[in-house]
Amino acid sequence: MGQNRWITEMGLGVDVHGADYNKAARRAVSDALRHSSLHFFDVTNKSVQDMKVEVVIGAAEPANIDPAVIAQEIPYGTVTVTVTSGGLDVTSDDGDDRITMVNAAILVSFDD
């Protein structure tokens, strides 16, 4: 059985101080979710439980992201989280602080 992608949402999350990658990633997922309002379930005879939700996180230090923590941000569907290189870190002039930016893509598919 194949899947068809129906939705792609993007988000950006930032931890301004502390370089907390999970915090920035959760904010990126939240940012993407806040741009969505889905109204096609009745028409398609699908439910939120039928959604296959793939979250792709891009971070400068992917090893610092805990996929299980990020998956908790998604309220519905079957969730998978993939972490890859991306995002951006900006170090302060004195090198003592860092702004951490993480990108998220949320891809929603349904079985045929």
PDB file of N, CA and C in Angstrom:
ATOM      1  N   MET A   1       0.851  -1.181   0.000  1.00  0.00           N
ATOM      2  CA  MET A   1       0.000   0.000   0.000  1.00  0.00           C
ATOM      3  C   MET A   1       0.887   1.231   0.000  1.00  0.00           C
ATOM      4  N   GLY A   2       0.653   2.158  -0.914  1.00  0.00           N
ATOM      5  CA  GLY A   2       1.432   3.382  -1.013  1.00  0.00           C
ATOM      6  C   GLY A   2       0.867   4.493  -0.160  1.00  0.00           C
ATOM      7  N   GLN A   3       1.607   5.570  -0.114  1.00  0.00           N
ATOM      8  CA  GLN A   3       1.167   6.761   0.603  1.00  0.00           C
ATOM      9  C   GLN A   3       1.219   7.945  -0.328  1.00  0.00           C
ATOM     10  N   ASN A   4       0.309   8.886  -0.094  1.00  0.00           N
ATOM     11  CA  ASN A   4       0.298  10.148  -0.821  1.00  0.00           C
ATOM     12  C   ASN A   4       0.493  11.279   0.166  1.00  0.00           C
ATOM     13  N   ARG A   5       1.453  12.166  -0.140  1.00  0.00           N
ATOM     14  CA  ARG A   5       1.664  13.327   0.723  1.00  0.00           C
ATOM     15  C   ARG A   5       0.586  14.366   0.422  1.00  0.00           C
ATOM     16  N   TRP A   6      -0.027  14.869   1.471  1.00  0.00           N
ATOM     17  CA  TRP A   6      -1.080  15.874   1.334  1.00  0.00           C
ATOM     18  C   TRP A   6      -0.652  17.236   1.854  1.00  0.00           C
ATOM     19  N   ILE A   7       0.254  17.255   2.805  1.00  0.00           N
ATOM     20  CA  ILE A   7       0.575  18.524   3.482  1.00  0.00           C
ATOM     21  C   ILE A   7       2.088  18.606   3.689  1.00  0.00           C
ATOM     22  N   THR A   8       2.644  19.790   3.470  1.00  0.00           N
ATOM     23  CA  THR A   8       4.020  20.103   3.846  1.00  0.00           C
ATOM     24  C   THR A   8       3.991  21.453   4.550  1.00  0.00           C
ATOM     25  N   GLU A   9       4.469  21.479   5.778  1.00  0.00           N
ATOM     26  CA  GLU A   9       4.551  22.713   6.546  1.00  0.00           C
ATOM     27  C   GLU A   9       5.994  22.920   6.981  1.00  0.00           C
ATOM     28  N   MET A  10       6.425  24.173   7.047  1.00  0.00           N
ATOM     29  CA  MET A  10       7.781  24.491   7.460  1.00  0.00           C
ATOM     30  C   MET A  10       7.764  25.414   8.675  1.00  0.00           C
ATOM     31  N   GLY A  11       8.794  25.274   9.501  1.00  0.00           N
ATOM     32  CA  GLY A  11       8.893  26.143  10.658  1.00  0.00           C
ATOM     33  C   GLY A  11      10.334  26.417  11.024  1.00  0.00           C
ATOM     34  N   LEU A  12      10.534  27.470  11.791  1.00  0.00           N
ATOM     35  CA  LEU A  12      11.845  27.867  12.288  1.00  0.00           C
ATOM     36  C   LEU A  12      11.740  28.052  13.792  1.00  0.00           C
ATOM     37  N   GLY A  13      12.690  27.491  14.513  1.00  0.00           N
ATOM     38  CA  GLY A  13      12.756  27.670  15.957  1.00  0.00           C
ATOM     39  C   GLY A  13      14.129  28.161  16.353  1.00  0.00           C
ATOM     40  N   VAL A  14      14.158  29.015  17.366  1.00  0.00           N
ATOM     41  CA  VAL A  14      15.420  29.627  17.790  1.00  0.00           C
ATOM     42  C   VAL A  14      15.539  29.555  19.304  1.00  0.00           C
ATOM     43  N   ASP A  15      16.735  29.189  19.775  1.00  0.00           N
ATOM     44  CA  ASP A  15      17.098  29.376  21.172  1.00  0.00           C
ATOM     45  C   ASP A  15      18.143  30.483  21.171  1.00  0.00           C
ATOM     46  N   VAL A  16      17.761  31.642  21.668  1.00  0.00           N
ATOM     47  CA  VAL A  16      18.605  32.831  21.566  1.00  0.00           C
ATOM     48  C   VAL A  16      19.833  32.738  22.474  1.00  0.00           C
ATOM     49  N   HIS A  17      19.687  32.124  23.628  1.00  0.00           N
ATOM     50  CA  HIS A  17      20.820  31.960  24.555  1.00  0.00           C
ATOM     51  C   HIS A  17      20.799  30.531  25.066  1.00  0.00           C
ATOM     52  N   GLY A  18      21.932  29.878  25.049  1.00  0.00           N
ATOM     53  CA  GLY A  18      22.016  28.560  25.648  1.00  0.00           C
ATOM     54  C   GLY A  18      22.264  27.428  24.683  1.00  0.00           C
ATOM     55  N   ALA A  19      22.052  27.642  23.393  1.00  0.00           N
ATOM     56  CA  ALA A  19      22.318  26.615  22.370  1.00  0.00           C
ATOM     57  C   ALA A  19      21.616  25.304  22.687  1.00  0.00           C
ATOM     58  N   ASP A  20      20.350  25.383  23.119  1.00  0.00           N
ATOM     59  CA  ASP A  20      19.557  24.190  23.408  1.00  0.00           C
ATOM     60  C   ASP A  20      18.868  23.746  22.119  1.00  0.00           C
ATOM     61  N   TYR A  21      19.429  22.727  21.485  1.00  0.00           N
ATOM     62  CA  TYR A  21      18.923  22.276  20.187  1.00  0.00           C
ATOM     63  C   TYR A  21      17.515  21.710  20.287  1.00  0.00           C
ATOM     64  N   ASN A  22      17.221  20.982  21.366  1.00  0.00           N
ATOM     65  CA  ASN A  22      15.867  20.449  21.505  1.00  0.00           C
ATOM     66  C   ASN A  22      14.837  21.559  21.674  1.00  0.00           C
ATOM     67  N   LYS A  23      15.188  22.592  22.425  1.00  0.00           N
ATOM     68  CA  LYS A  23      14.273  23.723  22.592  1.00  0.00           C
ATOM     69  C   LYS A  23      14.015  24.391  21.238  1.00  0.00           C
ATOM     70  N   ALA A  24      15.067  24.633  20.484  1.00  0.00           N
ATOM     71  CA  ALA A  24      14.914  25.259  19.167  1.00  0.00           C
ATOM     72  C   ALA A  24      14.117  24.353  18.230  1.00  0.00           C
ATOM     73  N   ALA A  25      14.350  23.050  18.270  1.00  0.00           N
ATOM     74  CA  ALA A  25      13.618  22.116  17.406  1.00  0.00           C
ATOM     75  C   ALA A  25      12.146  22.057  17.781  1.00  0.00           C
ATOM     76  N   ARG A  26      11.829  22.021  19.076  1.00  0.00           N
ATOM     77  CA  ARG A  26      10.415  22.043  19.504  1.00  0.00           C
ATOM     78  C   ARG A  26       9.735  23.318  19.033  1.00  0.00           C
ATOM     79  N   ARG A  27      10.431  24.423  19.111  1.00  0.00           N
ATOM     80  CA  ARG A  27       9.867  25.691  18.647  1.00  0.00           C
ATOM     81  C   ARG A  27       9.649  25.681  17.132  1.00  0.00           C
ATOM     82  N   ALA A  28      10.553  25.043  16.389  1.00  0.00           N
ATOM     83  CA  ALA A  28      10.394  24.947  14.934  1.00  0.00           C
ATOM     84  C   ALA A  28       9.160  24.121  14.579  1.00  0.00           C
ATOM     85  N   VAL A  29       8.957  23.012  15.280  1.00  0.00           N
ATOM     86  CA  VAL A  29       7.775  22.182  15.045  1.00  0.00           C
ATOM     87  C   VAL A  29       6.513  22.947  15.420  1.00  0.00           C
ATOM     88  N   SER A  30       6.532  23.616  16.542  1.00  0.00           N
ATOM     89  CA  SER A  30       5.382  24.421  16.960  1.00  0.00           C
ATOM     90  C   SER A  30       5.074  25.513  15.945  1.00  0.00           C
ATOM     91  N   ASP A  31       6.111  26.152  15.431  1.00  0.00           N
ATOM     92  CA  ASP A  31       5.934  27.191  14.421  1.00  0.00           C
ATOM     93  C   ASP A  31       5.236  26.619  13.185  1.00  0.00           C
ATOM     94  N   ALA A  32       5.665  25.463  12.737  1.00  0.00           N
ATOM     95  CA  ALA A  32       5.045  24.836  11.561  1.00  0.00           C
ATOM     96  C   ALA A  32       3.591  24.468  11.845  1.00  0.00           C
ATOM     97  N   LEU A  33       3.320  23.914  13.003  1.00  0.00           N
ATOM     98  CA  LEU A  33       1.951  23.498  13.334  1.00  0.00           C
ATOM     99  C   LEU A  33       0.998  24.686  13.439  1.00  0.00           C
ATOM    100  N   ARG A  34       1.484  25.813  13.911  1.00  0.00           N
ATOM    101  CA  ARG A  34       0.613  26.978  14.080  1.00  0.00           C
ATOM    102  C   ARG A  34       0.194  27.600  12.762  1.00  0.00           C
ATOM    103  N   HIS A  35       0.788  27.145  11.653  1.00  0.00           N
ATOM    104  CA  HIS A  35       0.391  27.647  10.342  1.00  0.00           C
ATOM    105  C   HIS A  35      -0.597  26.722   9.648  1.00  0.00           C
ATOM    106  N   SER A  36      -1.155  25.749  10.378  1.00  0.00           N
ATOM    107  CA  SER A  36      -2.027  24.750   9.763  1.00  0.00           C
ATOM    108  C   SER A  36      -3.402  24.758  10.403  1.00  0.00           C
ATOM    109  N   SER A  37      -4.387  24.593   9.584  1.00  0.00           N
ATOM    110  CA  SER A  37      -5.749  24.322  10.018  1.00  0.00           C
ATOM    111  C   SER A  37      -6.347  23.408   8.958  1.00  0.00           C
ATOM    112  N   LEU A  38      -6.526  22.159   9.309  1.00  0.00           N
ATOM    113  CA  LEU A  38      -6.910  21.151   8.331  1.00  0.00           C
ATOM    114  C   LEU A  38      -8.424  20.919   8.370  1.00  0.00           C
ATOM    115  N   HIS A  39      -9.048  21.023   7.205  1.00  0.00           N
ATOM    116  CA  HIS A  39     -10.505  20.916   7.140  1.00  0.00           C
ATOM    117  C   HIS A  39     -10.982  19.883   6.139  1.00  0.00           C
ATOM    118  N   PHE A  40     -10.153  18.941   5.748  1.00  0.00           N
ATOM    119  CA  PHE A  40     -10.531  18.007   4.692  1.00  0.00           C
ATOM    120  C   PHE A  40     -10.904  16.622   5.204  1.00  0.00           C
ATOM    121  N   PHE A  41     -10.929  16.417   6.491  1.00  0.00           N
ATOM    122  CA  PHE A  41     -11.155  15.076   7.017  1.00  0.00           C
ATOM    123  C   PHE A  41     -12.543  14.533   6.660  1.00  0.00           C
ATOM    124  N   ASP A  42     -13.586  15.322   6.811  1.00  0.00           N
ATOM    125  CA  ASP A  42     -14.928  14.847   6.476  1.00  0.00           C
ATOM    126  C   ASP A  42     -15.058  14.509   5.003  1.00  0.00           C
ATOM    127  N   VAL A  43     -14.513  15.338   4.149  1.00  0.00           N
ATOM    128  CA  VAL A  43     -14.622  15.155   2.703  1.00  0.00           C
ATOM    129  C   VAL A  43     -13.883  13.895   2.250  1.00  0.00           C
ATOM    130  N   THR A  44     -12.764  13.592   2.888  1.00  0.00           N
ATOM    131  CA  THR A  44     -11.926  12.471   2.450  1.00  0.00           C
ATOM    132  C   THR A  44     -12.189  11.182   3.223  1.00  0.00           C
ATOM    133  N   ASN A  45     -13.058  11.267   4.232  1.00  0.00           N
ATOM    134  CA  ASN A  45     -13.343  10.105   5.074  1.00  0.00           C
ATOM    135  C   ASN A  45     -12.085   9.612   5.792  1.00  0.00           C
ATOM    136  N   LYS A  46     -11.225  10.551   6.173  1.00  0.00           N
ATOM    137  CA  LYS A  46     -10.000  10.267   6.922  1.00  0.00           C
ATOM    138  C   LYS A  46     -10.137  10.877   8.313  1.00  0.00           C
ATOM    139  N   SER A  47      -9.287  10.435   9.223  1.00  0.00           N
ATOM    140  CA  SER A  47      -9.259  11.021  10.559  1.00  0.00           C
ATOM    141  C   SER A  47      -7.827  11.424  10.891  1.00  0.00           C
ATOM    142  N   VAL A  48      -7.670  12.155  11.976  1.00  0.00           N
ATOM    143  CA  VAL A  48      -6.326  12.572  12.380  1.00  0.00           C
ATOM    144  C   VAL A  48      -5.476  11.364  12.748  1.00  0.00           C
ATOM    145  N   GLN A  49      -6.113  10.276  13.174  1.00  0.00           N
ATOM    146  CA  GLN A  49      -5.360   9.067  13.497  1.00  0.00           C
ATOM    147  C   GLN A  49      -4.806   8.389  12.243  1.00  0.00           C
ATOM    148  N   ASP A  50      -5.381   8.668  11.067  1.00  0.00           N
ATOM    149  CA  ASP A  50      -4.904   8.085   9.810  1.00  0.00           C
ATOM    150  C   ASP A  50      -3.639   8.764   9.280  1.00  0.00           C
ATOM    151  N   MET A  51      -3.288   9.912   9.825  1.00  0.00           N
ATOM    152  CA  MET A  51      -2.142  10.663   9.320  1.00  0.00           C
ATOM    153  C   MET A  51      -0.833   9.950   9.625  1.00  0.00           C
ATOM    154  N   LYS A  52       0.055   9.943   8.647  1.00  0.00           N
ATOM    155  CA  LYS A  52       1.440   9.518   8.819  1.00  0.00           C
ATOM    156  C   LYS A  52       2.250  10.812   8.811  1.00  0.00           C
ATOM    157  N   VAL A  53       2.807  11.173   9.948  1.00  0.00           N
ATOM    158  CA  VAL A  53       3.481  12.463  10.102  1.00  0.00           C
ATOM    159  C   VAL A  53       4.985  12.239  10.178  1.00  0.00           C
ATOM    160  N   GLU A  54       5.687  12.780   9.191  1.00  0.00           N
ATOM    161  CA  GLU A  54       7.144  12.719   9.189  1.00  0.00           C
ATOM    162  C   GLU A  54       7.667  14.110   9.523  1.00  0.00           C
ATOM    163  N   VAL A  55       8.469  14.198  10.556  1.00  0.00           N
ATOM    164  CA  VAL A  55       9.092  15.458  10.955  1.00  0.00           C
ATOM    165  C   VAL A  55      10.564  15.368  10.575  1.00  0.00           C
ATOM    166  N   VAL A  56      11.022  16.339   9.783  1.00  0.00           N
ATOM    167  CA  VAL A  56      12.431  16.398   9.391  1.00  0.00           C
ATOM    168  C   VAL A  56      13.020  17.647  10.046  1.00  0.00           C
ATOM    169  N   ILE A  57      14.043  17.440  10.853  1.00  0.00           N
ATOM    170  CA  ILE A  57      14.678  18.526  11.599  1.00  0.00           C
ATOM    171  C   ILE A  57      16.068  18.759  11.015  1.00  0.00           C
ATOM    172  N   GLY A  58      16.405  20.021  10.746  1.00  0.00           N
ATOM    173  CA  GLY A  58      17.738  20.398  10.295  1.00  0.00           C
ATOM    174  C   GLY A  58      18.423  21.222  11.363  1.00  0.00           C
ATOM    175  N   ALA A  59      19.561  20.733  11.857  1.00  0.00           N
ATOM    176  CA  ALA A  59      20.290  21.427  12.921  1.00  0.00           C
ATOM    177  C   ALA A  59      21.785  21.346  12.644  1.00  0.00           C
ATOM    178  N   ALA A  60      22.504  22.380  13.080  1.00  0.00           N
ATOM    179  CA  ALA A  60      23.951  22.409  12.882  1.00  0.00           C
ATOM    180  C   ALA A  60      24.634  21.263  13.613  1.00  0.00           C
ATOM    181  N   GLU A  61      24.066  20.843  14.732  1.00  0.00           N
ATOM    182  CA  GLU A  61      24.605  19.711  15.493  1.00  0.00           C
ATOM    183  C   GLU A  61      23.484  18.681  15.681  1.00  0.00           C
ATOM    184  N   PRO A  62      23.204  17.872  14.651  1.00  0.00           N
ATOM    185  CA  PRO A  62      22.081  16.932  14.695  1.00  0.00           C
ATOM    186  C   PRO A  62      22.129  15.964  15.880  1.00  0.00           C
ATOM    187  N   ALA A  63      23.313  15.603  16.331  1.00  0.00           N
ATOM    188  CA  ALA A  63      23.433  14.657  17.446  1.00  0.00           C
ATOM    189  C   ALA A  63      22.849  15.215  18.742  1.00  0.00           C
ATOM    190  N   ASN A  64      22.661  16.538  18.807  1.00  0.00           N
ATOM    191  CA  ASN A  64      22.104  17.160  20.011  1.00  0.00           C
ATOM    192  C   ASN A  64      20.577  17.182  20.024  1.00  0.00           C
ATOM    193  N   ILE A  65      19.938  16.597  19.034  1.00  0.00           N
ATOM    194  CA  ILE A  65      18.475  16.538  18.964  1.00  0.00           C
ATOM    195  C   ILE A  65      18.023  15.154  19.406  1.00  0.00           C
ATOM    196  N   ASP A  66      17.048  15.101  20.299  1.00  0.00           N
ATOM    197  CA  ASP A  66      16.443  13.844  20.743  1.00  0.00           C
ATOM    198  C   ASP A  66      15.129  13.661  19.985  1.00  0.00           C
ATOM    199  N   PRO A  67      15.067  12.756  19.005  1.00  0.00           N
ATOM    200  CA  PRO A  67      13.844  12.578  18.220  1.00  0.00           C
ATOM    201  C   PRO A  67      12.606  12.282  19.070  1.00  0.00           C
ATOM    202  N   ALA A  68      12.752  11.559  20.172  1.00  0.00           N
ATOM    203  CA  ALA A  68      11.608  11.241  21.025  1.00  0.00           C
ATOM    204  C   ALA A  68      11.013  12.504  21.643  1.00  0.00           C
ATOM    205  N   VAL A  69      11.858  13.447  22.015  1.00  0.00           N
ATOM    206  CA  VAL A  69      11.376  14.722  22.572  1.00  0.00           C
ATOM    207  C   VAL A  69      10.604  15.495  21.509  1.00  0.00           C
ATOM    208  N   ILE A  70      11.116  15.504  20.289  1.00  0.00           N
ATOM    209  CA  ILE A  70      10.478  16.250  19.208  1.00  0.00           C
ATOM    210  C   ILE A  70       9.150  15.608  18.824  1.00  0.00           C
ATOM    211  N   ALA A  71       9.090  14.289  18.805  1.00  0.00           N
ATOM    212  CA  ALA A  71       7.854  13.581  18.445  1.00  0.00           C
ATOM    213  C   ALA A  71       6.701  13.947  19.375  1.00  0.00           C
ATOM    214  N   GLN A  72       7.003  14.285  20.613  1.00  0.00           N
ATOM    215  CA  GLN A  72       5.964  14.655  21.574  1.00  0.00           C
ATOM    216  C   GLN A  72       5.237  15.941  21.193  1.00  0.00           C
ATOM    217  N   GLU A  73       5.806  16.734  20.306  1.00  0.00           N
ATOM    218  CA  GLU A  73       5.175  17.983  19.876  1.00  0.00           C
ATOM    219  C   GLU A  73       4.019  17.745  18.904  1.00  0.00           C
ATOM    220  N   ILE A  74       3.937  16.564  18.305  1.00  0.00           N
ATOM    221  CA  ILE A  74       2.916  16.269  17.304  1.00  0.00           C
ATOM    222  C   ILE A  74       1.732  15.604  17.995  1.00  0.00           C
ATOM    223  N   PRO A  75       0.551  16.232  17.950  1.00  0.00           N
ATOM    224  CA  PRO A  75      -0.579  15.722  18.726  1.00  0.00           C
ATOM    225  C   PRO A  75      -1.335  14.562  18.089  1.00  0.00           C
ATOM    226  N   TYR A  76      -1.157  14.289  16.790  1.00  0.00           N
ATOM    227  CA  TYR A  76      -1.968  13.283  16.121  1.00  0.00           C
ATOM    228  C   TYR A  76      -1.124  12.438  15.183  1.00  0.00           C
ATOM    229  N   GLY A  77      -1.680  11.296  14.803  1.00  0.00           N
ATOM    230  CA  GLY A  77      -1.094  10.479  13.762  1.00  0.00           C
ATOM    231  C   GLY A  77       0.066   9.618  14.245  1.00  0.00           C
ATOM    232  N   THR A  78       0.623   8.875  13.309  1.00  0.00           N
ATOM    233  CA  THR A  78       1.812   8.072  13.535  1.00  0.00           C
ATOM    234  C   THR A  78       3.005   8.932  13.164  1.00  0.00           C
ATOM    235  N   VAL A  79       3.892   9.168  14.127  1.00  0.00           N
ATOM    236  CA  VAL A  79       4.960  10.167  13.966  1.00  0.00           C
ATOM    237  C   VAL A  79       6.323   9.500  13.858  1.00  0.00           C
ATOM    238  N   THR A  80       7.106   9.960  12.885  1.00  0.00           N
ATOM    239  CA  THR A  80       8.519   9.624  12.807  1.00  0.00           C
ATOM    240  C   THR A  80       9.308  10.932  12.736  1.00  0.00           C
ATOM    241  N   VAL A  81      10.486  10.922  13.334  1.00  0.00           N
ATOM    242  CA  VAL A  81      11.344  12.109  13.340  1.00  0.00           C
ATOM    243  C   VAL A  81      12.699  11.727  12.764  1.00  0.00           C
ATOM    244  N   THR A  82      13.148  12.509  11.786  1.00  0.00           N
ATOM    245  CA  THR A  82      14.464  12.349  11.193  1.00  0.00           C
ATOM    246  C   THR A  82      15.238  13.641  11.428  1.00  0.00           C
ATOM    247  N   VAL A  83      16.477  13.504  11.850  1.00  0.00           N
ATOM    248  CA  VAL A  83      17.314  14.678  12.107  1.00  0.00           C
ATOM    249  C   VAL A  83      18.474  14.653  11.119  1.00  0.00           C
ATOM    250  N   THR A  84      18.731  15.807  10.514  1.00  0.00           N
ATOM    251  CA  THR A  84      19.779  15.918   9.506  1.00  0.00           C
ATOM    252  C   THR A  84      20.567  17.208   9.724  1.00  0.00           C
ATOM    253  N   SER A  85      21.654  17.353   9.032  1.00  0.00           N
ATOM    254  CA  SER A  85      22.431  18.594   9.108  1.00  0.00           C
ATOM    255  C   SER A  85      21.646  19.733   8.474  1.00  0.00           C
ATOM    256  N   GLY A  86      21.742  20.884   9.074  1.00  0.00           N
ATOM    257  CA  GLY A  86      21.042  22.064   8.570  1.00  0.00           C
ATOM    258  C   GLY A  86      21.062  23.141   9.630  1.00  0.00           C
ATOM    259  N   GLY A  87      20.058  24.008   9.594  1.00  0.00           N
ATOM    260  CA  GLY A  87      19.984  25.061  10.595  1.00  0.00           C
ATOM    261  C   GLY A  87      21.170  25.998  10.534  1.00  0.00           C
ATOM    262  N   LEU A  88      21.373  26.721  11.623  1.00  0.00           N
ATOM    263  CA  LEU A  88      22.445  27.714  11.668  1.00  0.00           C
ATOM    264  C   LEU A  88      22.733  28.065  13.111  1.00  0.00           C
ATOM    265  N   ASP A  89      23.997  28.157  13.445  1.00  0.00           N
ATOM    266  CA  ASP A  89      24.432  28.684  14.740  1.00  0.00           C
ATOM    267  C   ASP A  89      25.175  29.981  14.500  1.00  0.00           C
ATOM    268  N   VAL A  90      24.906  30.972  15.338  1.00  0.00           N
ATOM    269  CA  VAL A  90      25.595  32.257  15.255  1.00  0.00           C
ATOM    270  C   VAL A  90      26.228  32.515  16.614  1.00  0.00           C
ATOM    271  N   THR A  91      27.549  32.580  16.627  1.00  0.00           N
ATOM    272  CA  THR A  91      28.290  32.773  17.867  1.00  0.00           C
ATOM    273  C   THR A  91      28.432  34.259  18.160  1.00  0.00           C
ATOM    274  N   SER A  92      28.349  34.611  19.442  1.00  0.00           N
ATOM    275  CA  SER A  92      28.516  36.005  19.847  1.00  0.00           C
ATOM    276  C   SER A  92      29.936  36.468  19.566  1.00  0.00           C
ATOM    277  N   ASP A  93      30.132  37.778  19.561  1.00  0.00           N
ATOM    278  CA  ASP A  93      31.461  38.345  19.284  1.00  0.00           C
ATOM    279  C   ASP A  93      32.529  37.819  20.233  1.00  0.00           C
ATOM    280  N   ASP A  94      32.157  37.642  21.509  1.00  0.00           N
ATOM    281  CA  ASP A  94      33.151  37.179  22.479  1.00  0.00           C
ATOM    282  C   ASP A  94      33.256  35.653  22.533  1.00  0.00           C
ATOM    283  N   GLY A  95      32.395  34.946  21.784  1.00  0.00           N
ATOM    284  CA  GLY A  95      32.443  33.491  21.735  1.00  0.00           C
ATOM    285  C   GLY A  95      31.820  32.788  22.919  1.00  0.00           C
ATOM    286  N   ASP A  96      31.228  33.573  23.848  1.00  0.00           N
ATOM    287  CA  ASP A  96      30.656  32.978  25.056  1.00  0.00           C
ATOM    288  C   ASP A  96      29.192  32.571  24.908  1.00  0.00           C
ATOM    289  N   ASP A  97      28.544  32.948  23.831  1.00  0.00           N
ATOM    290  CA  ASP A  97      27.119  32.664  23.675  1.00  0.00           C
ATOM    291  C   ASP A  97      26.854  32.290  22.218  1.00  0.00           C
ATOM    292  N   ARG A  98      25.702  31.697  21.988  1.00  0.00           N
ATOM    293  CA  ARG A  98      25.385  31.245  20.642  1.00  0.00           C
ATOM    294  C   ARG A  98      23.870  31.282  20.436  1.00  0.00           C
ATOM    295  N   ILE A  99      23.466  31.750  19.275  1.00  0.00           N
ATOM    296  CA  ILE A  99      22.076  31.665  18.843  1.00  0.00           C
ATOM    297  C   ILE A  99      21.968  30.389  18.005  1.00  0.00           C
ATOM    298  N   THR A 100      21.022  29.533  18.358  1.00  0.00           N
ATOM    299  CA  THR A 100      20.834  28.262  17.666  1.00  0.00           C
ATOM    300  C   THR A 100      19.517  28.305  16.909  1.00  0.00           C
ATOM    301  N   MET A 101      19.594  28.117  15.589  1.00  0.00           N
ATOM    302  CA  MET A 101      18.396  28.094  14.741  1.00  0.00           C
ATOM    303  C   MET A 101      18.236  26.703  14.153  1.00  0.00           C
ATOM    304  N   VAL A 102      17.020  26.183  14.266  1.00  0.00           N
ATOM    305  CA  VAL A 102      16.699  24.849  13.771  1.00  0.00           C
ATOM    306  C   VAL A 102      15.499  24.961  12.844  1.00  0.00           C
ATOM    307  N   ASN A 103      15.541  24.225  11.739  1.00  0.00           N
ATOM    308  CA  ASN A 103      14.425  24.191  10.804  1.00  0.00           C
ATOM    309  C   ASN A 103      13.662  22.888  10.962  1.00  0.00           C
ATOM    310  N   ALA A 104      12.352  22.962  10.719  1.00  0.00           N
ATOM    311  CA  ALA A 104      11.507  21.766  10.750  1.00  0.00           C
ATOM    312  C   ALA A 104      10.635  21.739   9.506  1.00  0.00           C
ATOM    313  N   ALA A 105      10.493  20.561   8.942  1.00  0.00           N
ATOM    314  CA  ALA A 105       9.503  20.308   7.899  1.00  0.00           C
ATOM    315  C   ALA A 105       8.586  19.212   8.437  1.00  0.00           C
ATOM    316  N   ILE A 106       7.289  19.452   8.338  1.00  0.00           N
ATOM    317  CA  ILE A 106       6.307  18.457   8.752  1.00  0.00           C
ATOM    318  C   ILE A 106       5.600  17.986   7.493  1.00  0.00           C
ATOM    319  N   LEU A 107       5.700  16.691   7.217  1.00  0.00           N
ATOM    320  CA  LEU A 107       5.146  16.091   6.017  1.00  0.00           C
ATOM    321  C   LEU A 107       4.043  15.129   6.433  1.00  0.00           C
ATOM    322  N   VAL A 108       2.837  15.376   5.953  1.00  0.00           N
ATOM    323  CA  VAL A 108       1.691  14.536   6.340  1.00  0.00           C
ATOM    324  C   VAL A 108       1.228  13.751   5.121  1.00  0.00           C
ATOM    325  N   SER A 109       1.147  12.442   5.307  1.00  0.00           N
ATOM    326  CA  SER A 109       0.700  11.547   4.233  1.00  0.00           C
ATOM    327  C   SER A 109      -0.425  10.664   4.744  1.00  0.00           C
ATOM    328  N   PHE A 110      -1.162  10.102   3.804  1.00  0.00           N
ATOM    329  CA  PHE A 110      -2.196   9.127   4.102  1.00  0.00           C
ATOM    330  C   PHE A 110      -1.980   7.917   3.215  1.00  0.00           C
ATOM    331  N   ASP A 111      -2.332   6.744   3.728  1.00  0.00           N
ATOM    332  CA  ASP A 111      -2.319   5.548   2.889  1.00  0.00           C
ATOM    333  C   ASP A 111      -3.331   5.718   1.773  1.00  0.00           C
ATOM    334  N   ASP A 112      -3.020   5.109   0.622  1.00  0.00           N
ATOM    335  CA  ASP A 112      -3.946   5.146  -0.527  1.00  0.00           C
ATOM    336  C   ASP A 112      -5.282   4.527  -0.144  1.00  0.00           C
TER     337      ASP A 112
END
